[in-house]
Amino acid sequence: MSVRRWSIFAALLFGVALCVVAALPQVATAAYPGRPGVIVFSLGQFGGPHSSGELYSIRPWQSEPRQLTWNDSDSDPSFAPSGQRFAFLRSQPGKAGIYQYDLASSRVTRLVAGGSVGSPAFGRRGMIAFTRDTAIGRDLFLRTADGKERRLTASNDVKEEEPIFTPNGKRIVFLRRGSLRDIEVWSIRVDGRDPRLVSNGRDQYTPDISPNGRWLALENLISFLPVFELGTGIHQLPLRSDARRSGFGDAAYPAYSPGGGKIAFSNYEGIWLAQVGGGSRSLIYRTWDGPPEMPGFWPNNLAWQPLPRPRCSPYGQCAEGARRARH
């Protein structure tokens, strides 16, 4: 074949290849977009924490988030162990309930309908723990992947809130509020048996469990204590700030990094990252530069995307990039 004919043939082949690529289905942002994953949060209304808003995602090394929803009524994101989707709460009238957001397609699906539900938490095998207002109080429920619901608790005159699964998926840690400030931390098996008191105290909110299942972070204290099944006693490791503007006394919504070495949280200034063992800390997303008496848009309900499970062959060889990072 002459050089001229070969050039024409190569150009035609390249054009066909482009057409084939263009015809392939286009996938949105990868399920695990970068290392060490994205942090999803809701940006509440002006005036402080504990409010609904829009859902956003941000990578730990970026300073500007990406908006995910536009309903002004979304909160409480919780990632599935695969990191490919998360559950969240929507309080929009007529559409209230628990929804699922798929990161690859941006598709939103309602899983549980009703305005009396709250605090969704994703577990293994498609299970979602959540709370629901009942005639005797606010109790803990479980939704399985087939859509069936099971009631796990039935406690009089208390409010059960903010469930979260242990990393092995066998138990659910949750808060039991008897009064305004007296709040107990409990755990229970996913079948509703074997309830255990983990800790009792005051002002304990928004728990998050470390990836190794050993430590429990709590809002307000920003301290860590062993999960009841794996440790004895309470060993607090409070985070302190050397910043002149903030003592982190108002820190909220702790979320462990995928490897457990860092923790994200928010205060009236924005979203922070800190080393679990102390040391460096940084403000990755600033939302307010004024005094704490007049807070700005407070980031709520932080959820850090977990690492995907490694895909390994029978010979023990795993896919590239699937090993757990130390972040």
Protein backbone atom coordinates (compact mmCIF):
# COMPACT_ATOMS: atom_id res chain seq x y z
CA MET A 1 0.00 0.00 0.00
CA SER A 2 1.37 3.40 -0.98
CA VAL A 3 2.06 6.11 1.57
CA ARG A 4 -0.85 8.21 0.26
CA ARG A 5 -3.30 5.31 0.42
CA TRP A 6 -2.09 4.38 3.90
CA SER A 7 -2.64 7.98 5.11
CA ILE A 8 -6.19 8.00 3.74
CA PHE A 9 -6.91 4.60 5.32
CA ALA A 10 -5.52 5.72 8.69
CA ALA A 11 -7.61 8.89 8.62
CA LEU A 12 -10.77 6.90 7.85
CA LEU A 13 -9.98 4.43 10.63
CA PHE A 14 -9.43 7.25 13.12
CA GLY A 15 -12.76 8.83 12.12
CA VAL A 16 -14.61 5.55 12.62
CA ALA A 17 -13.01 5.16 16.04
CA LEU A 18 -14.18 8.63 17.07
CA CYS A 19 -17.72 7.79 15.99
CA VAL A 20 -17.67 4.56 17.99
CA VAL A 21 -16.42 6.37 21.09
CA ALA A 22 -19.06 9.07 20.69
CA ALA A 23 -21.77 6.41 20.43
CA LEU A 24 -20.78 4.81 23.74
CA PRO A 25 -22.89 5.77 26.77
CA GLN A 26 -21.26 8.63 28.64
CA VAL A 27 -20.79 8.14 32.37
CA ALA A 28 -20.96 11.08 34.74
CA THR A 29 -18.41 11.79 37.43
CA ALA A 30 -16.75 8.59 38.59
CA ALA A 31 -18.26 6.91 41.63
CA TYR A 32 -15.07 7.65 43.55
CA PRO A 33 -13.93 10.97 42.03
CA GLY A 34 -10.36 11.29 43.18
CA ARG A 35 -8.55 10.59 46.39
CA PRO A 36 -9.64 10.65 49.19
CA GLY A 37 -13.25 11.03 47.98
CA VAL A 38 -15.77 13.84 48.21
CA ILE A 39 -17.47 15.33 51.24
CA VAL A 40 -21.21 15.83 50.81
CA PHE A 41 -23.02 18.35 53.00
CA SER A 42 -26.08 20.56 53.15
CA LEU A 43 -25.73 24.31 53.28
CA GLY A 44 -28.31 25.60 55.72
CA GLN A 45 -30.20 28.85 55.79
CA PHE A 46 -28.53 31.97 57.14
CA GLY A 47 -28.34 31.89 60.91
CA GLY A 48 -26.58 28.72 62.03
CA PRO A 49 -26.58 24.93 62.01
CA HIS A 50 -29.31 22.26 62.13
CA SER A 51 -31.31 23.36 59.12
CA SER A 52 -32.12 22.03 55.67
CA GLY A 53 -30.85 23.49 52.44
CA GLU A 54 -29.25 22.31 49.22
CA LEU A 55 -26.82 19.42 48.98
CA TYR A 56 -23.26 20.09 47.83
CA SER A 57 -20.09 18.07 47.36
CA ILE A 58 -16.51 19.22 47.76
CA ARG A 59 -13.15 17.51 47.40
CA PRO A 60 -10.81 17.96 50.38
CA TRP A 61 -8.20 19.78 48.29
CA GLN A 62 -10.66 22.18 46.64
CA SER A 63 -12.20 25.38 47.91
CA GLU A 64 -15.42 25.56 45.88
CA PRO A 65 -18.24 23.00 46.20
CA ARG A 66 -20.45 21.53 43.49
CA GLN A 67 -24.21 21.87 43.96
CA LEU A 68 -26.12 18.59 43.75
CA THR A 69 -29.77 19.50 44.52
CA TRP A 70 -31.99 22.57 44.16
CA ASN A 71 -34.93 22.04 46.52
CA ASP A 72 -34.02 24.11 49.58
CA SER A 73 -35.21 21.19 51.72
CA ASP A 74 -32.45 18.52 51.63
CA SER A 75 -30.22 17.37 54.49
CA ASP A 76 -28.66 14.40 56.31
CA PRO A 77 -26.63 12.67 53.57
CA SER A 78 -25.25 9.21 54.39
CA PHE A 79 -23.05 7.21 52.01
CA ALA A 80 -23.51 3.56 51.13
CA PRO A 81 -20.40 1.46 51.90
CA SER A 82 -19.64 1.28 48.16
CA GLY A 83 -19.34 5.08 47.97
CA GLN A 84 -21.41 5.12 44.78
CA ARG A 85 -24.63 6.53 46.26
CA PHE A 86 -25.94 8.20 49.37
CA ALA A 87 -29.26 8.50 51.15
CA PHE A 88 -30.62 11.87 52.27
CA LEU A 89 -33.69 13.47 53.80
CA ARG A 90 -36.04 15.75 51.85
CA SER A 91 -38.58 17.85 53.76
CA GLN A 92 -40.25 19.47 50.75
CA PRO A 93 -44.06 19.49 51.22
CA GLY A 94 -45.73 16.82 49.11
CA LYS A 95 -42.39 15.13 48.37
CA ALA A 96 -41.05 14.56 51.87
CA GLY A 97 -39.20 11.36 52.64
CA ILE A 98 -35.89 9.55 52.33
CA TYR A 99 -34.21 9.64 48.94
CA GLN A 100 -31.20 8.07 47.27
CA TYR A 101 -28.71 10.00 45.11
CA ASP A 102 -26.57 8.12 42.57
CA LEU A 103 -23.24 9.88 42.03
CA ALA A 104 -22.56 8.43 38.58
CA SER A 105 -25.92 9.36 37.03
CA SER A 106 -27.13 12.12 39.42
CA ARG A 107 -30.42 10.19 39.56
CA VAL A 108 -32.60 10.79 42.63
CA THR A 109 -35.04 8.10 43.83
CA ARG A 110 -37.45 8.20 46.76
CA LEU A 111 -37.11 5.17 49.05
CA VAL A 112 -39.35 6.02 52.03
CA ALA A 113 -42.26 8.46 51.82
CA GLY A 114 -43.58 10.64 54.62
CA GLY A 115 -42.82 13.76 56.56
CA SER A 116 -42.39 11.98 59.91
CA VAL A 117 -39.13 10.19 58.99
CA GLY A 118 -35.62 11.42 59.63
CA SER A 119 -31.90 10.70 60.01
CA PRO A 120 -31.32 8.12 57.24
CA ALA A 121 -28.17 6.00 57.50
CA PHE A 122 -26.90 3.64 54.81
CA GLY A 123 -25.68 0.18 55.79
CA ARG A 124 -24.53 -2.93 53.97
CA ARG A 125 -26.69 -4.93 51.56
CA GLY A 126 -28.87 -1.90 50.84
CA MET A 127 -30.16 -1.51 54.39
CA ILE A 128 -31.15 1.97 55.57
CA ALA A 129 -31.76 2.82 59.23
CA PHE A 130 -33.95 5.82 59.98
CA THR A 131 -36.24 7.30 62.63
CA ARG A 132 -39.99 7.83 62.52
CA ASP A 133 -42.40 9.68 64.79
CA THR A 134 -44.89 7.28 66.40
CA ALA A 135 -47.67 7.54 68.95
CA ILE A 136 -45.24 6.87 71.82
CA GLY A 137 -42.19 8.78 70.63
CA ARG A 138 -39.57 8.79 67.90
CA ASP A 139 -38.35 5.25 67.24
CA LEU A 140 -35.76 3.48 65.14
CA PHE A 141 -36.71 1.64 61.93
CA LEU A 142 -34.86 -0.37 59.29
CA ARG A 143 -35.57 -0.57 55.56
CA THR A 144 -34.13 -3.53 53.67
CA ALA A 145 -33.11 -3.58 50.01
CA ASP A 146 -36.43 -5.16 48.99
CA GLY A 147 -38.35 -2.17 50.41
CA LYS A 148 -39.64 -3.89 53.54
CA GLU A 149 -39.58 -1.96 56.82
CA ARG A 150 -38.99 -3.25 60.34
CA ARG A 151 -39.39 -1.43 63.63
CA LEU A 152 -36.34 -1.88 65.87
CA THR A 153 -37.31 0.05 69.03
CA ALA A 154 -40.45 1.07 70.87
CA SER A 155 -39.52 3.45 73.69
CA ASN A 156 -41.99 5.63 75.59
CA ASP A 157 -41.45 9.39 75.83
CA VAL A 158 -37.98 9.45 74.27
CA LYS A 159 -36.65 10.48 70.91
CA GLU A 160 -34.25 8.20 69.07
CA GLU A 161 -32.11 10.05 66.55
CA GLU A 162 -29.14 9.99 64.23
CA PRO A 163 -28.46 6.27 63.68
CA ILE A 164 -25.22 5.10 62.07
CA PHE A 165 -24.05 1.59 61.19
CA THR A 166 -20.86 0.07 62.57
CA PRO A 167 -18.35 -0.67 59.78
CA ASN A 168 -19.08 -4.42 59.89
CA GLY A 169 -22.78 -3.65 59.35
CA LYS A 170 -23.95 -5.77 62.28
CA ARG A 171 -25.00 -3.04 64.71
CA ILE A 172 -26.53 0.43 64.66
CA VAL A 173 -25.34 3.18 66.99
CA PHE A 174 -27.93 5.86 67.75
CA LEU A 175 -28.83 8.62 70.19
CA ARG A 176 -31.67 8.41 72.72
CA ARG A 177 -32.85 11.81 73.93
CA GLY A 178 -34.83 11.88 77.16
CA SER A 179 -34.71 15.64 77.70
CA LEU A 180 -33.38 18.70 75.96
CA ARG A 181 -29.72 18.07 76.79
CA ASP A 182 -29.49 14.64 78.44
CA ILE A 183 -28.70 12.29 75.60
CA GLU A 184 -27.56 8.65 75.73
CA VAL A 185 -25.61 6.78 73.09
CA TRP A 186 -26.95 3.27 72.41
CA SER A 187 -26.21 0.46 69.98
CA ILE A 188 -28.48 -2.33 68.77
CA ARG A 189 -28.22 -5.27 66.38
CA VAL A 190 -29.79 -4.87 62.95
CA ASP A 191 -32.39 -7.50 63.90
CA GLY A 192 -33.52 -5.31 66.83
CA ARG A 193 -31.98 -7.46 69.57
CA ASP A 194 -29.26 -6.86 72.15
CA PRO A 195 -29.61 -3.10 72.89
CA ARG A 196 -26.57 -1.75 74.75
CA LEU A 197 -25.86 1.55 76.46
CA VAL A 198 -22.61 3.01 75.09
CA SER A 199 -22.42 6.34 76.91
CA ASN A 200 -24.64 8.76 78.79
CA GLY A 201 -23.97 12.45 79.01
CA ARG A 202 -25.03 15.87 77.82
CA ASP A 203 -24.91 17.60 74.47
CA GLN A 204 -23.93 14.58 72.38
CA TYR A 205 -24.95 14.88 68.74
CA THR A 206 -24.21 13.68 65.19
CA PRO A 207 -22.02 10.61 65.85
CA ASP A 208 -19.62 9.18 63.29
CA ILE A 209 -17.67 5.92 63.65
CA SER A 210 -14.07 5.52 62.50
CA PRO A 211 -13.49 3.08 59.60
CA ASN A 212 -11.81 0.57 61.93
CA GLY A 213 -14.85 0.61 64.24
CA ARG A 214 -12.86 1.61 67.34
CA TRP A 215 -13.74 5.27 67.82
CA LEU A 216 -16.88 7.34 67.95
CA ALA A 217 -16.77 11.08 67.22
CA LEU A 218 -19.46 13.32 68.70
CA GLU A 219 -20.49 16.87 67.94
CA ASN A 220 -19.89 19.61 70.50
CA LEU A 221 -17.29 17.65 72.41
CA ILE A 222 -15.33 16.88 69.24
CA SER A 223 -13.84 14.04 71.20
CA PHE A 224 -13.51 10.32 70.69
CA LEU A 225 -14.51 7.36 72.79
CA PRO A 226 -14.27 3.62 72.16
CA VAL A 227 -17.34 1.97 70.68
CA PHE A 228 -18.88 -0.14 73.43
CA GLU A 229 -18.29 -3.52 71.80
CA LEU A 230 -14.57 -2.90 71.21
CA GLY A 231 -13.36 -0.87 74.19
CA THR A 232 -13.86 -0.27 77.87
CA GLY A 233 -14.21 3.06 79.58
CA ILE A 234 -14.15 6.48 77.94
CA HIS A 235 -10.90 7.93 76.65
CA GLN A 236 -11.52 11.40 75.26
CA LEU A 237 -9.12 12.95 72.78
CA PRO A 238 -10.41 16.49 72.24
CA LEU A 239 -9.35 18.55 69.26
CA ARG A 240 -8.05 21.97 70.17
CA SER A 241 -7.47 24.92 67.90
CA ASP A 242 -4.46 27.19 67.93
CA ALA A 243 -6.34 29.68 65.77
CA ARG A 244 -7.00 33.03 67.42
CA ARG A 245 -10.45 33.41 65.90
CA SER A 246 -12.00 30.10 66.85
CA GLY A 247 -11.63 27.62 69.70
CA PHE A 248 -13.75 25.05 67.84
CA GLY A 249 -16.17 25.10 70.74
CA ASP A 250 -18.94 25.39 68.17
CA ALA A 251 -17.59 22.60 65.95
CA ALA A 252 -20.26 20.30 64.52
CA TYR A 253 -20.94 17.35 62.23
CA PRO A 254 -17.71 15.30 62.55
CA ALA A 255 -16.99 12.92 59.65
CA TYR A 256 -14.04 10.54 59.45
CA SER A 257 -11.89 10.33 56.32
CA PRO A 258 -11.98 7.00 54.40
CA GLY A 259 -8.75 5.83 56.03
CA GLY A 260 -9.57 7.22 59.47
CA GLY A 261 -6.52 9.49 59.72
CA LYS A 262 -8.43 12.77 59.38
CA ILE A 263 -11.73 14.19 60.43
CA ALA A 264 -13.87 16.86 58.78
CA PHE A 265 -16.22 19.13 60.70
CA SER A 266 -17.86 22.52 60.36
CA ASN A 267 -18.37 25.65 62.40
CA TYR A 268 -19.61 29.16 61.71
CA GLU A 269 -16.55 29.80 59.52
CA GLY A 270 -16.91 26.83 57.15
CA ILE A 271 -15.57 23.28 56.72
CA TRP A 272 -12.36 22.20 58.45
CA LEU A 273 -10.02 19.23 58.17
CA ALA A 274 -7.91 18.06 61.11
CA GLN A 275 -5.63 15.18 61.97
CA VAL A 276 -7.32 12.75 64.33
CA GLY A 277 -4.26 12.56 66.55
CA GLY A 278 -3.79 16.32 66.66
CA GLY A 279 -1.44 18.44 64.61
CA SER A 280 -2.32 20.15 61.34
CA ARG A 281 -5.77 21.55 60.63
CA SER A 282 -7.02 23.62 57.74
CA LEU A 283 -10.12 25.50 56.61
CA ILE A 284 -10.98 24.09 53.16
CA TYR A 285 -14.23 25.98 52.54
CA ARG A 286 -14.92 29.38 54.10
CA THR A 287 -18.53 30.49 54.35
CA TRP A 288 -18.22 33.35 56.82
CA ASP A 289 -15.58 35.88 57.79
CA GLY A 290 -17.48 37.76 60.47
CA PRO A 291 -18.02 37.36 64.22
CA PRO A 292 -19.55 34.17 65.63
CA GLU A 293 -22.50 36.14 67.00
CA MET A 294 -23.69 36.57 63.40
CA PRO A 295 -22.89 33.26 61.66
CA GLY A 296 -23.18 32.82 57.94
CA PHE A 297 -24.34 29.87 55.88
CA TRP A 298 -23.37 26.98 58.15
CA PRO A 299 -22.41 23.68 56.41
CA ASN A 300 -24.49 20.86 57.91
CA ASN A 301 -24.52 17.06 57.99
CA LEU A 302 -21.06 16.29 56.64
CA ALA A 303 -20.62 12.82 55.07
CA TRP A 304 -17.23 11.68 53.70
CA GLN A 305 -17.35 9.24 50.82
CA PRO A 306 -15.90 5.83 51.80
CA LEU A 307 -13.37 3.97 49.71
CA PRO A 308 -14.81 1.44 47.28
CA ARG A 309 -14.28 -2.19 48.15
CA PRO A 310 -11.34 -3.74 46.28
CA ARG A 311 -12.11 -6.05 43.38
CA CYS A 312 -9.75 -8.98 43.87
CA SER A 313 -9.11 -12.11 41.86
CA PRO A 314 -9.11 -15.60 43.43
CA TYR A 315 -5.31 -15.28 43.50
CA GLY A 316 -5.37 -12.20 45.72
CA GLN A 317 -4.58 -9.63 43.03
CA CYS A 318 -6.65 -6.47 43.47
CA ALA A 319 -7.59 -3.72 41.04
CA GLU A 320 -5.27 -0.73 40.81
CA GLY A 321 -6.07 1.99 43.31
CA ALA A 322 -8.39 -0.20 45.38
CA ARG A 323 -6.22 -0.45 48.46
CA ARG A 324 -7.30 1.63 51.45
CA ALA A 325 -5.49 4.95 51.55
CA ARG A 326 -4.14 6.41 54.78
CA HIS A 327 -6.16 9.62 54.62
